[in-house]
Amino acid sequence: MHTDVLVIGGGLGGVAAALAALRAGRSVILTEEFDWLGGQLTSQAVPPDEHSWVEQFGVTASYRALREGIRDYYRRNYPLTVASRAAAQLNPGAGYVSKLCHEPRVAVAVLEEMLAPYRASRRLLVLQPYRPVAAETDGDRVTAVTVQHRDTEEQVTLTAPYILDATETGELLPLTGTEYVTGFESQAETGEPSAPAEAQPLNMQAVSYCFAVDHVDGDQVGDKPANYAFWRNYEPSFWGDRLLSWTAPNPRTLESSHRTFTPNPDDDPLAVVADQRRTGGDMNLWTFRRIAARRHFVPGTYESDICLVNWPMIDYFEGPVIDVPDAARHLAAAKELSQAVLYWLQTEAPRPDGGTGFRGLRLRGDVVGSADGLAQAPYIRESRRIKAEYTIVEQDLSVAVRGDRGAVAYDDSVGIGMYRIDLHPSTGGDNYIDVASSPFRIPLGALIPQRVENLLPASKNLGTTHITNGCYRLHPVEWNIGEAAGLLAAFCLDRGADPRAVRATPALLGEFQDHLVAQGIELAWPDVSGY
């Protein structure tokens, strides 16, 4: 099959890339290996991690349309209370992690709505569930990618003048021979204050299998997981307690912090203020990533709130899942850990009343769309990353380094983002790394491989380091990266120029950036001091 723009990977970056190229008049083939499009927002079941100004500015117009589409979907289809329906900034889950906590299936429906007219016109073909297994190259160009059906093993060969890697782990990079890095770079290479003295390519952030639970009457406890005893007694050297406990390191101070867990508090969801500049909101784990707050809905709609479990105790850092022969074993062990956490919560977790176990906790596989009750896909925080024309380093945006100057103002900006550099414990035994950062830009140079001409990153696989990946990996930034990559591919086809020439030629770069702005992509931050 042939198309103008081939997008491999249907996560947030992949969907954004496809939509951008389609809006520009191009044909697109989009592939995805899991049952739902949307990646970390849907098949990985992670509510959006966003900056505090998301309701005013700092995201692309199309990402804003996705967010408002989710709210509109609830208003059109759910029995909200009168007050909740009228809330302009409806937060269906009233979770503290985000101003828009919601059930992942709703995001799937909205993403499908956004793609529907292009499917109908046959300008978009979605191949699902397919994953890449091989690629062909000719010199510095990728000529074809072969994808394989997850269940039938049928293979299809796809060709296009521009190929975008929007997979969660940068799977096209080794298949195409594109130069890339993984794990920690060395301080000698990057100059980053938080980097180690020597490179550690297999030292990568934890992966997690998230899951959803509610709490109802009755005994919901299932069979004890086979490897439960191991995880029950597992105590990482830097944790300060067993992993299965309410105690975990504070990500910013690394001091031991005690979390609480109170299912179904009788709180007012409209009174929740989800602003992580004020509080991380993670001290009560039930409300931290709650995705359905029952009091938003007419009585009887929900038996219980629904809580999304993406907590420190499900972070799996026993081994990496990229570029190792035993990746499947580690992914299976990550699932085991999440299953052990659920069993611990149901049977042994200390309760506020002095008892143990919340036997009414019920696994909600229907909410995440899976048979085993866990998210369809692991939450991957760190990908392979291209060796790019420009690599974003810690000193480009660290508050400690940049101070009042703010982040480096890249002249080749193709978007903006904001989040603290937030790195979870890693496979090399490192604790959290947390670095205050300034609102930043996304440089075009980080989207252009050093050698390969027609392969573009459209997810977390752009030219960051292990450190700066920690703030370029979040939902709205991934969407912006994908959208910029999709528009770049279409622009290059229209102009007969390659991405390297667009960046190197002032007139072309200016024209491309004007096009981005016309599409609703912000290239620079406003003054946020008054917000």
Protein backbone atom coordinates (compact mmCIF):
# COMPACT_ATOMS: atom_id res chain seq x y z
CA MET A 1 0.00 0.00 0.00
CA HIS A 2 1.20 3.51 -0.80
CA THR A 3 0.28 6.86 0.76
CA ASP A 4 1.63 10.41 1.07
CA VAL A 5 2.40 10.23 4.79
CA LEU A 6 2.83 6.98 6.69
CA VAL A 7 2.38 7.20 10.47
CA ILE A 8 3.48 4.15 12.43
CA GLY A 9 1.95 4.24 15.90
CA GLY A 10 -1.49 5.51 16.86
CA GLY A 11 -0.77 7.16 20.20
CA LEU A 12 -1.40 10.84 20.82
CA GLY A 13 1.52 11.92 18.65
CA GLY A 14 0.49 9.57 15.86
CA VAL A 15 -3.13 10.72 15.82
CA ALA A 16 -2.04 14.37 15.90
CA ALA A 17 0.41 13.76 13.04
CA ALA A 18 -2.25 12.03 10.95
CA LEU A 19 -4.80 14.78 11.53
CA ALA A 20 -2.25 17.48 10.66
CA ALA A 21 -1.26 15.85 7.36
CA LEU A 22 -4.91 15.19 6.51
CA ARG A 23 -5.86 18.83 7.17
CA ALA A 24 -3.04 19.78 4.82
CA GLY A 25 -4.69 17.75 2.04
CA ARG A 26 -2.50 14.67 2.16
CA SER A 27 -3.41 10.97 2.28
CA VAL A 28 -2.36 9.05 5.38
CA ILE A 29 -2.00 5.48 6.53
CA LEU A 30 -1.98 5.20 10.33
CA THR A 31 -1.08 1.95 12.12
CA GLU A 32 -1.61 0.99 15.75
CA GLU A 33 -0.85 -2.27 17.57
CA PHE A 34 -3.46 -2.00 20.33
CA ASP A 35 -7.26 -1.96 20.20
CA TRP A 36 -7.60 1.75 20.97
CA LEU A 37 -6.03 4.78 19.35
CA GLY A 38 -4.65 7.34 21.78
CA GLY A 39 -1.68 5.70 23.49
CA GLN A 40 -0.98 7.04 26.95
CA LEU A 41 -4.40 8.72 27.13
CA THR A 42 -6.37 5.55 26.28
CA SER A 43 -4.73 2.14 25.87
CA GLN A 44 -2.25 3.03 28.65
CA ALA A 45 -5.12 4.61 30.66
CA VAL A 46 -3.14 7.61 31.97
CA PRO A 47 -5.16 10.79 32.65
CA PRO A 48 -3.52 13.81 31.01
CA ASP A 49 -0.47 15.33 32.69
CA GLU A 50 -0.69 19.01 31.83
CA HIS A 51 0.64 22.37 32.95
CA SER A 52 -1.33 24.80 35.10
CA TRP A 53 -2.25 27.22 32.29
CA VAL A 54 -3.77 24.61 29.98
CA GLU A 55 -7.21 26.23 30.06
CA GLN A 56 -5.83 29.60 28.87
CA PHE A 57 -2.86 28.91 26.57
CA GLY A 58 0.13 26.68 26.03
CA VAL A 59 -1.40 23.90 23.88
CA THR A 60 -2.25 23.64 20.20
CA ALA A 61 -5.72 24.43 18.88
CA SER A 62 -6.32 20.82 17.90
CA TYR A 63 -5.30 19.55 21.35
CA ARG A 64 -7.70 22.07 22.85
CA ALA A 65 -10.39 20.70 20.52
CA LEU A 66 -9.67 17.21 21.87
CA ARG A 67 -10.03 18.42 25.45
CA GLU A 68 -13.24 20.30 24.79
CA GLY A 69 -14.53 17.37 22.76
CA ILE A 70 -14.12 15.14 25.82
CA ARG A 71 -16.14 17.56 27.95
CA ASP A 72 -18.79 17.88 25.26
CA TYR A 73 -19.03 14.09 25.00
CA TYR A 74 -19.87 13.90 28.69
CA ARG A 75 -22.45 16.67 28.37
CA ARG A 76 -24.10 14.97 25.39
CA ASN A 77 -24.08 11.42 26.68
CA TYR A 78 -23.84 11.27 30.47
CA PRO A 79 -26.48 12.11 33.11
CA LEU A 80 -24.56 14.94 34.75
CA THR A 81 -26.09 16.96 37.55
CA VAL A 82 -27.34 20.41 36.57
CA ALA A 83 -24.40 22.11 38.31
CA SER A 84 -21.81 19.80 36.76
CA ARG A 85 -23.27 20.13 33.28
CA ALA A 86 -22.99 23.92 33.58
CA ALA A 87 -19.34 23.81 34.72
CA ALA A 88 -17.26 25.41 31.95
CA GLN A 89 -14.16 23.51 33.04
CA LEU A 90 -15.83 20.20 33.81
CA ASN A 91 -13.39 17.71 35.34
CA PRO A 92 -15.40 14.45 35.15
CA GLY A 93 -13.15 12.57 37.56
CA ALA A 94 -12.40 15.52 39.82
CA GLY A 95 -8.88 14.14 40.10
CA TYR A 96 -6.09 16.34 41.39
CA VAL A 97 -3.53 15.32 38.78
CA SER A 98 -5.31 17.09 35.92
CA LYS A 99 -8.06 19.58 35.16
CA LEU A 100 -9.51 16.93 32.85
CA CYS A 101 -9.52 13.47 34.46
CA HIS A 102 -11.84 11.18 32.52
CA GLU A 103 -12.49 7.61 31.48
CA PRO A 104 -10.18 6.51 28.66
CA ARG A 105 -13.02 5.17 26.50
CA VAL A 106 -14.39 8.71 26.19
CA ALA A 107 -11.08 9.93 24.74
CA VAL A 108 -11.18 7.02 22.27
CA ALA A 109 -14.63 8.11 21.10
CA VAL A 110 -13.54 11.71 20.62
CA LEU A 111 -10.36 10.79 18.75
CA GLU A 112 -12.43 8.57 16.47
CA GLU A 113 -14.85 11.48 15.90
CA MET A 114 -11.93 13.70 14.89
CA LEU A 115 -10.72 11.11 12.38
CA ALA A 116 -14.17 10.04 11.10
CA PRO A 117 -14.55 12.36 8.08
CA TYR A 118 -11.13 11.39 6.75
CA ARG A 119 -11.89 7.69 7.12
CA ALA A 120 -15.15 8.21 5.27
CA SER A 121 -13.41 9.96 2.37
CA ARG A 122 -10.76 7.20 2.31
CA ARG A 123 -7.97 9.74 2.62
CA LEU A 124 -7.17 7.98 5.90
CA LEU A 125 -6.65 4.25 6.27
CA VAL A 126 -6.18 2.93 9.81
CA LEU A 127 -4.52 -0.49 10.11
CA GLN A 128 -5.25 -1.93 13.53
CA PRO A 129 -3.91 -3.93 15.34
CA TYR A 130 -0.63 -3.89 13.42
CA ARG A 131 2.93 -3.33 14.60
CA PRO A 132 6.13 -2.75 12.56
CA VAL A 133 8.38 -5.76 12.07
CA ALA A 134 10.72 -4.77 9.22
CA ALA A 135 11.83 -1.86 7.05
CA GLU A 136 13.71 -1.23 3.82
CA THR A 137 16.12 1.61 3.15
CA ASP A 138 17.98 3.08 0.21
CA GLY A 139 20.96 5.07 1.40
CA ASP A 140 19.68 7.77 3.74
CA ARG A 141 16.01 7.22 2.93
CA VAL A 142 13.46 4.76 4.28
CA THR A 143 11.60 3.20 1.36
CA ALA A 144 9.15 0.81 3.02
CA VAL A 145 7.87 -0.45 6.37
CA THR A 146 6.32 -3.88 6.89
CA VAL A 147 3.68 -4.20 9.59
CA GLN A 148 2.23 -7.40 11.01
CA HIS A 149 -1.24 -8.09 12.40
CA ARG A 150 -1.09 -8.84 16.11
CA ASP A 151 -3.44 -11.83 15.95
CA THR A 152 -3.34 -13.27 12.42
CA GLU A 153 0.34 -12.42 11.71
CA GLU A 154 -0.69 -11.17 8.26
CA GLN A 155 1.95 -8.78 6.91
CA VAL A 156 1.47 -5.65 4.83
CA THR A 157 4.23 -3.58 3.22
CA LEU A 158 3.67 0.18 3.27
CA THR A 159 5.45 2.89 1.29
CA ALA A 160 5.39 6.68 1.45
CA PRO A 161 7.73 9.60 0.73
CA TYR A 162 7.56 10.54 4.43
CA ILE A 163 7.42 8.07 7.30
CA LEU A 164 6.70 9.15 10.88
CA ASP A 165 7.69 7.05 13.88
CA ALA A 166 4.97 7.62 16.48
CA THR A 167 5.51 4.33 18.32
CA GLU A 168 5.85 4.37 22.08
CA THR A 169 9.41 3.03 22.01
CA GLY A 170 10.80 4.38 18.73
CA GLU A 171 10.50 0.98 17.07
CA LEU A 172 11.34 2.22 13.57
CA LEU A 173 14.73 3.51 14.63
CA PRO A 174 16.52 0.13 14.87
CA LEU A 175 14.47 -1.30 11.99
CA THR A 176 15.62 1.50 9.68
CA GLY A 177 19.17 1.87 11.00
CA THR A 178 18.44 5.41 12.16
CA GLU A 179 20.99 6.50 14.74
CA TYR A 180 19.51 6.73 18.24
CA VAL A 181 20.28 6.69 21.96
CA THR A 182 18.64 5.12 25.00
CA GLY A 183 18.93 5.63 28.73
CA PHE A 184 21.32 8.07 30.40
CA GLU A 185 23.83 10.01 28.35
CA SER A 186 27.07 10.93 30.11
CA GLN A 187 27.73 14.35 31.58
CA ALA A 188 30.81 14.63 29.37
CA GLU A 189 28.54 14.26 26.33
CA THR A 190 25.70 16.57 27.33
CA GLY A 191 27.09 18.81 30.08
CA GLU A 192 23.90 18.24 32.07
CA PRO A 193 24.17 18.77 35.84
CA SER A 194 21.92 15.75 36.54
CA ALA A 195 23.66 13.34 34.13
CA PRO A 196 26.03 10.61 35.39
CA ALA A 197 29.74 10.55 34.66
CA GLU A 198 29.39 7.62 32.27
CA ALA A 199 26.64 6.78 29.80
CA GLN A 200 24.13 4.15 30.94
CA PRO A 201 22.15 3.13 27.84
CA LEU A 202 20.12 0.43 29.65
CA ASN A 203 19.22 2.66 32.60
CA MET A 204 15.67 3.72 31.73
CA GLN A 205 12.61 4.92 33.60
CA ALA A 206 10.15 2.48 35.11
CA VAL A 207 7.22 1.18 33.10
CA SER A 208 3.78 0.66 34.66
CA TYR A 209 0.65 -1.32 33.94
CA CYS A 210 -2.13 0.96 35.16
CA PHE A 211 -5.57 -0.28 36.16
CA ALA A 212 -8.93 1.11 37.26
CA VAL A 213 -10.86 0.19 40.42
CA ASP A 214 -14.03 1.15 42.19
CA HIS A 215 -15.20 0.23 45.70
CA VAL A 216 -18.53 -1.53 46.27
CA ASP A 217 -20.21 -3.73 48.86
CA GLY A 218 -19.15 -7.36 49.05
CA ASP A 219 -15.96 -9.34 48.77
CA GLN A 220 -14.27 -8.68 45.41
CA VAL A 221 -10.98 -10.47 46.16
CA GLY A 222 -9.76 -12.85 43.47
CA ASP A 223 -7.00 -15.44 43.46
CA LYS A 224 -3.64 -14.59 45.00
CA PRO A 225 -1.10 -13.84 42.23
CA ALA A 226 1.51 -16.56 41.84
CA ASN A 227 4.43 -14.23 42.57
CA TYR A 228 2.69 -12.28 45.31
CA ALA A 229 5.14 -13.18 48.10
CA PHE A 230 8.07 -11.71 46.16
CA TRP A 231 6.38 -8.38 45.53
CA ARG A 232 4.87 -8.22 49.03
CA ASN A 233 8.37 -8.35 50.55
CA TYR A 234 10.20 -6.38 47.87
CA GLU A 235 12.06 -3.37 49.32
CA PRO A 236 14.13 -1.24 46.91
CA SER A 237 17.27 0.11 48.55
CA PHE A 238 16.24 3.73 48.06
CA TRP A 239 12.53 3.36 48.90
CA GLY A 240 12.59 3.58 52.68
CA ASP A 241 9.98 0.82 53.05
CA ARG A 242 8.50 -2.07 51.14
CA LEU A 243 7.27 -1.15 47.68
CA LEU A 244 3.80 -2.37 48.68
CA SER A 245 3.12 0.21 51.36
CA TRP A 246 1.65 3.68 51.69
CA THR A 247 5.20 5.05 52.01
CA ALA A 248 7.22 6.19 49.01
CA PRO A 249 9.87 8.81 48.26
CA ASN A 250 8.63 12.34 47.66
CA PRO A 251 9.61 12.91 44.00
CA ARG A 252 10.98 16.39 44.72
CA THR A 253 12.68 15.99 48.10
CA LEU A 254 13.28 12.17 48.09
CA GLU A 255 12.17 12.11 51.74
CA SER A 256 9.80 9.31 52.71
CA SER A 257 6.19 10.44 52.35
CA HIS A 258 3.13 8.69 53.70
CA ARG A 259 0.12 8.55 51.39
CA THR A 260 -3.48 7.93 52.41
CA PHE A 261 -6.23 5.98 50.69
CA THR A 262 -9.91 6.63 51.38
CA PRO A 263 -12.33 5.18 48.83
CA ASN A 264 -15.38 7.26 47.94
CA PRO A 265 -14.89 10.36 50.07
CA ASP A 266 -18.05 12.44 50.19
CA ASP A 267 -16.33 15.42 48.59
CA ASP A 268 -17.74 18.05 46.25
CA PRO A 269 -16.18 17.42 42.81
CA LEU A 270 -16.83 21.01 41.76
CA ALA A 271 -14.67 22.23 44.64
CA VAL A 272 -11.58 20.31 43.47
CA VAL A 273 -8.80 22.60 42.26
CA ALA A 274 -6.38 20.61 40.10
CA ASP A 275 -3.31 22.86 40.05
CA GLN A 276 0.01 21.16 40.71
CA ARG A 277 1.67 24.53 41.36
CA ARG A 278 -0.37 24.57 44.58
CA THR A 279 -0.21 20.90 45.48
CA GLY A 280 0.74 17.70 43.74
CA GLY A 281 -2.53 16.24 45.00
CA ASP A 282 -1.00 12.80 45.43
CA MET A 283 -1.25 12.45 49.21
CA ASN A 284 -4.73 10.86 48.91
CA LEU A 285 -4.28 8.23 46.25
CA TRP A 286 -8.01 7.72 45.69
CA THR A 287 -8.63 11.28 44.50
CA PHE A 288 -5.21 11.78 42.89
CA ARG A 289 -6.09 10.10 39.58
CA ARG A 290 -9.83 9.61 40.06
CA ILE A 291 -11.44 9.37 36.60
CA ALA A 292 -15.13 9.27 37.55
CA ALA A 293 -16.46 11.27 40.51
CA ARG A 294 -19.90 9.82 41.24
CA ARG A 295 -21.27 13.10 42.62
CA HIS A 296 -20.88 14.73 39.18
CA PHE A 297 -23.69 12.47 37.98
CA VAL A 298 -27.32 11.99 38.94
CA PRO A 299 -27.70 9.62 41.90
CA GLY A 300 -27.53 5.97 40.93
CA THR A 301 -25.41 6.46 37.78
CA TYR A 302 -22.26 5.15 39.45
CA GLU A 303 -22.12 2.75 42.40
CA SER A 304 -18.75 4.25 43.25
CA ASP A 305 -16.12 6.67 42.09
CA ILE A 306 -13.62 5.10 39.69
CA CYS A 307 -9.96 5.48 40.57
CA LEU A 308 -7.09 5.01 38.12
CA VAL A 309 -4.11 3.34 39.76
CA ASN A 310 -0.91 4.92 38.47
CA TRP A 311 0.95 5.22 41.74
CA PRO A 312 4.59 4.84 42.84
CA MET A 313 4.04 1.23 43.94
CA ILE A 314 3.25 -0.02 40.40
CA ASP A 315 6.45 1.38 38.89
CA TYR A 316 8.47 -1.56 37.57
CA PHE A 317 12.22 -0.89 37.44
CA GLU A 318 13.71 -4.37 37.74
CA GLY A 319 14.89 -4.24 34.13
CA PRO A 320 14.48 -2.33 30.85
CA VAL A 321 12.03 -3.29 28.11
CA ILE A 322 13.95 -1.71 25.21
CA ASP A 323 16.92 -3.27 23.38
CA VAL A 324 17.19 -6.28 25.68
CA PRO A 325 16.54 -9.96 24.83
CA ASP A 326 14.28 -10.49 27.86
CA ALA A 327 11.94 -7.53 27.32
CA ALA A 328 8.90 -9.83 27.30
CA ARG A 329 9.87 -11.23 30.70
CA HIS A 330 10.10 -7.75 32.19
CA LEU A 331 6.75 -6.71 30.72
CA ALA A 332 5.18 -9.85 32.20
CA ALA A 333 6.77 -9.03 35.56
CA ALA A 334 5.41 -5.48 35.38
CA LYS A 335 1.94 -7.00 34.98
CA GLU A 336 2.61 -9.29 37.94
CA LEU A 337 3.54 -6.28 40.06
CA SER A 338 0.27 -4.48 39.28
CA GLN A 339 -1.72 -7.64 40.02
CA ALA A 340 0.15 -7.99 43.32
CA VAL A 341 -0.59 -4.37 44.19
CA LEU A 342 -4.31 -4.95 43.65
CA TYR A 343 -4.29 -8.07 45.84
CA TRP A 344 -2.36 -6.19 48.55
CA LEU A 345 -4.87 -3.35 48.43
CA GLN A 346 -7.74 -5.80 48.80
CA THR A 347 -6.24 -7.95 51.56
CA GLU A 348 -3.39 -6.32 53.48
CA ALA A 349 -3.29 -2.56 52.94
CA PRO A 350 -3.68 -0.65 56.24
CA ARG A 351 -7.02 1.15 56.50
CA PRO A 352 -7.66 4.45 58.30
CA ASP A 353 -9.89 2.60 60.81
CA GLY A 354 -7.01 0.36 61.88
CA GLY A 355 -8.11 -2.67 59.89
CA THR A 356 -6.45 -4.15 56.83
CA GLY A 357 -7.58 -4.65 53.28
CA PHE A 358 -10.25 -3.04 51.13
CA ARG A 359 -12.10 -6.17 50.09
CA GLY A 360 -14.71 -4.15 48.20
CA LEU A 361 -12.16 -2.91 45.65
CA ARG A 362 -13.26 -4.13 42.24
CA LEU A 363 -11.05 -4.30 39.18
CA ARG A 364 -12.68 -2.46 36.26
CA GLY A 365 -11.29 -4.07 33.13
CA ASP A 366 -14.36 -2.80 31.27
CA VAL A 367 -13.16 0.77 31.87
CA VAL A 368 -9.73 0.15 30.34
CA GLY A 369 -10.95 -2.23 27.63
CA SER A 370 -9.08 -5.39 28.56
CA ALA A 371 -9.85 -8.98 29.53
CA ASP A 372 -7.27 -9.19 32.32
CA GLY A 373 -8.36 -5.92 33.96
CA LEU A 374 -5.08 -4.06 33.44
CA ALA A 375 -4.52 -1.37 30.83
CA GLN A 376 -4.16 -2.75 27.30
CA ALA A 377 -0.62 -1.40 27.03
CA PRO A 378 2.18 -0.59 29.47
CA TYR A 379 2.74 3.05 30.31
CA ILE A 380 6.08 3.73 28.61
CA ARG A 381 7.78 6.85 29.97
CA GLU A 382 10.95 6.69 27.92
CA SER A 383 11.58 5.81 24.27
CA ARG A 384 14.52 5.36 21.98
CA ARG A 385 15.48 8.88 20.91
CA ILE A 386 16.89 9.98 17.58
CA LYS A 387 20.35 11.45 17.32
CA ALA A 388 19.07 14.78 16.11
CA GLU A 389 20.39 17.91 14.45
CA TYR A 390 19.74 19.55 17.82
CA THR A 391 19.50 17.75 21.16
CA ILE A 392 17.58 19.46 23.96
CA VAL A 393 19.63 19.40 27.17
CA GLU A 394 18.87 20.14 30.80
CA GLN A 395 20.68 23.48 30.79
CA ASP A 396 18.33 24.71 28.02
CA LEU A 397 15.38 24.90 30.41
CA SER A 398 16.48 24.25 34.00
CA VAL A 399 15.48 27.06 36.36
CA ALA A 400 18.66 26.47 38.35
CA VAL A 401 20.75 27.10 35.22
CA ARG A 402 18.64 29.63 33.30
CA GLY A 403 17.17 31.61 36.20
CA ASP A 404 15.10 34.64 35.17
CA ARG A 405 16.13 34.28 31.53
CA GLY A 406 13.68 31.44 31.07
CA ALA A 407 14.23 28.53 28.72
CA VAL A 408 16.31 28.93 25.55
CA ALA A 409 14.21 30.69 22.91
CA TYR A 410 14.87 28.46 19.90
CA ASP A 411 14.54 30.37 16.63
CA ASP A 412 13.24 27.22 14.92
CA SER A 413 10.37 26.67 17.37
CA VAL A 414 7.53 24.41 16.22
CA GLY A 415 5.54 24.51 19.45
CA ILE A 416 5.69 24.91 23.20
CA GLY A 417 5.24 22.89 26.37
CA MET A 418 5.62 23.00 30.10
CA TYR A 419 6.21 20.45 32.85
CA ARG A 420 8.83 19.90 35.50
CA ILE A 421 11.60 17.51 34.55
CA ASP A 422 9.98 14.52 36.21
CA LEU A 423 11.89 11.24 36.01
CA HIS A 424 10.61 8.13 37.78
CA PRO A 425 12.92 5.55 39.39
CA SER A 426 14.95 3.75 36.78
CA THR A 427 16.31 0.33 35.97
CA GLY A 428 19.81 1.26 37.11
CA GLY A 429 18.64 1.80 40.69
CA ASP A 430 18.23 5.57 40.53
CA ASN A 431 15.60 7.31 42.61
CA TYR A 432 13.34 10.06 41.28
CA ILE A 433 15.04 12.96 39.52
CA ASP A 434 13.09 16.20 39.72
CA VAL A 435 14.32 19.45 38.21
CA ALA A 436 12.36 22.69 38.09
CA SER A 437 12.02 23.85 34.49
CA SER A 438 10.81 26.94 32.68
CA PRO A 439 8.08 27.00 30.02
CA PHE A 440 9.91 25.74 26.94
CA ARG A 441 9.79 25.56 23.16
CA ILE A 442 10.06 22.56 20.84
CA PRO A 443 12.91 23.11 18.35
CA LEU A 444 12.54 21.84 14.80
CA GLY A 445 16.13 20.62 15.00
CA ALA A 446 15.05 18.01 17.57
CA LEU A 447 12.68 16.51 14.96
CA ILE A 448 15.33 16.01 12.28
CA PRO A 449 17.63 12.96 12.39
CA GLN A 450 21.32 13.63 11.81
CA ARG A 451 21.42 11.46 8.69
CA VAL A 452 18.11 9.92 7.60
CA GLU A 453 16.14 12.27 5.33
CA ASN A 454 12.50 11.17 5.35
CA LEU A 455 11.93 9.64 8.79
CA LEU A 456 10.53 11.97 11.44
CA PRO A 457 9.86 11.38 15.14
CA ALA A 458 6.25 12.01 16.17
CA SER A 459 6.24 11.00 19.82
CA LYS A 460 8.70 10.81 22.73
CA ASN A 461 11.48 9.78 20.32
CA LEU A 462 12.65 13.26 19.34
CA GLY A 463 16.09 14.63 20.17
CA THR A 464 15.92 14.93 23.94
CA THR A 465 18.23 13.43 26.53
CA HIS A 466 17.24 11.03 29.28
CA ILE A 467 16.92 14.09 31.51
CA THR A 468 14.88 16.37 29.24
CA ASN A 469 12.68 13.47 28.19
CA GLY A 470 11.22 13.99 31.66
CA CYS A 471 9.29 17.07 30.54
CA TYR A 472 8.89 16.47 26.79
CA ARG A 473 7.05 13.15 27.30
CA LEU A 474 3.67 14.43 28.55
CA HIS A 475 0.35 14.35 26.73
CA PRO A 476 0.08 17.87 25.22
CA VAL A 477 3.77 17.99 24.29
CA GLU A 478 3.59 14.61 22.55
CA TRP A 479 0.52 15.84 20.64
CA ASN A 480 2.36 19.01 19.58
CA ILE A 481 5.40 17.02 18.46
CA GLY A 482 3.22 14.76 16.33
CA GLU A 483 1.22 17.64 14.89
CA ALA A 484 4.38 19.52 13.93
CA ALA A 485 5.84 16.39 12.31
CA GLY A 486 2.67 15.79 10.29
CA LEU A 487 2.57 19.37 9.10
CA LEU A 488 6.28 19.27 8.28
CA ALA A 489 5.85 16.18 6.10
CA ALA A 490 2.96 17.80 4.21
CA PHE A 491 4.86 21.08 3.86
CA CYS A 492 7.91 19.31 2.44
CA LEU A 493 5.76 17.49 -0.09
CA ASP A 494 4.11 20.75 -1.14
CA ARG A 495 7.41 22.66 -1.46
CA GLY A 496 9.58 19.86 -2.82
CA ALA A 497 12.03 20.47 0.03
CA ASP A 498 13.38 18.13 2.69
CA PRO A 499 13.08 18.82 6.46
CA ARG A 500 16.75 19.70 6.76
CA ALA A 501 16.38 22.39 4.11
CA VAL A 502 13.31 23.82 5.83
CA ARG A 503 15.29 24.35 9.00
CA ALA A 504 18.40 25.65 7.22
CA THR A 505 16.64 28.08 4.85
CA PRO A 506 15.30 31.20 6.61
CA ALA A 507 12.58 31.85 4.03
CA LEU A 508 11.30 28.27 4.17
CA LEU A 509 11.51 28.16 7.95
CA GLY A 510 9.57 31.42 8.25
CA GLU A 511 6.93 30.16 5.84
CA PHE A 512 6.60 26.90 7.73
CA GLN A 513 6.32 28.64 11.09
CA ASP A 514 3.64 30.97 9.68
CA HIS A 515 1.78 27.86 8.57
CA LEU A 516 2.06 26.39 12.08
CA VAL A 517 0.65 29.57 13.62
CA ALA A 518 -2.22 29.54 11.12
CA GLN A 519 -3.01 26.01 12.29
CA GLY A 520 -3.25 27.17 15.91
CA ILE A 521 0.19 26.14 17.14
CA GLU A 522 1.80 28.56 19.59
CA LEU A 523 5.52 29.03 18.98
CA ALA A 524 6.40 31.13 22.04
CA TRP A 525 5.10 31.53 25.56
CA PRO A 526 3.31 34.65 26.73
CA ASP A 527 4.36 36.25 30.01
CA VAL A 528 3.01 33.82 32.60
CA SER A 529 4.00 35.87 35.64
CA GLY A 530 0.47 37.23 36.05
CA TYR A 531 -1.17 33.80 36.00
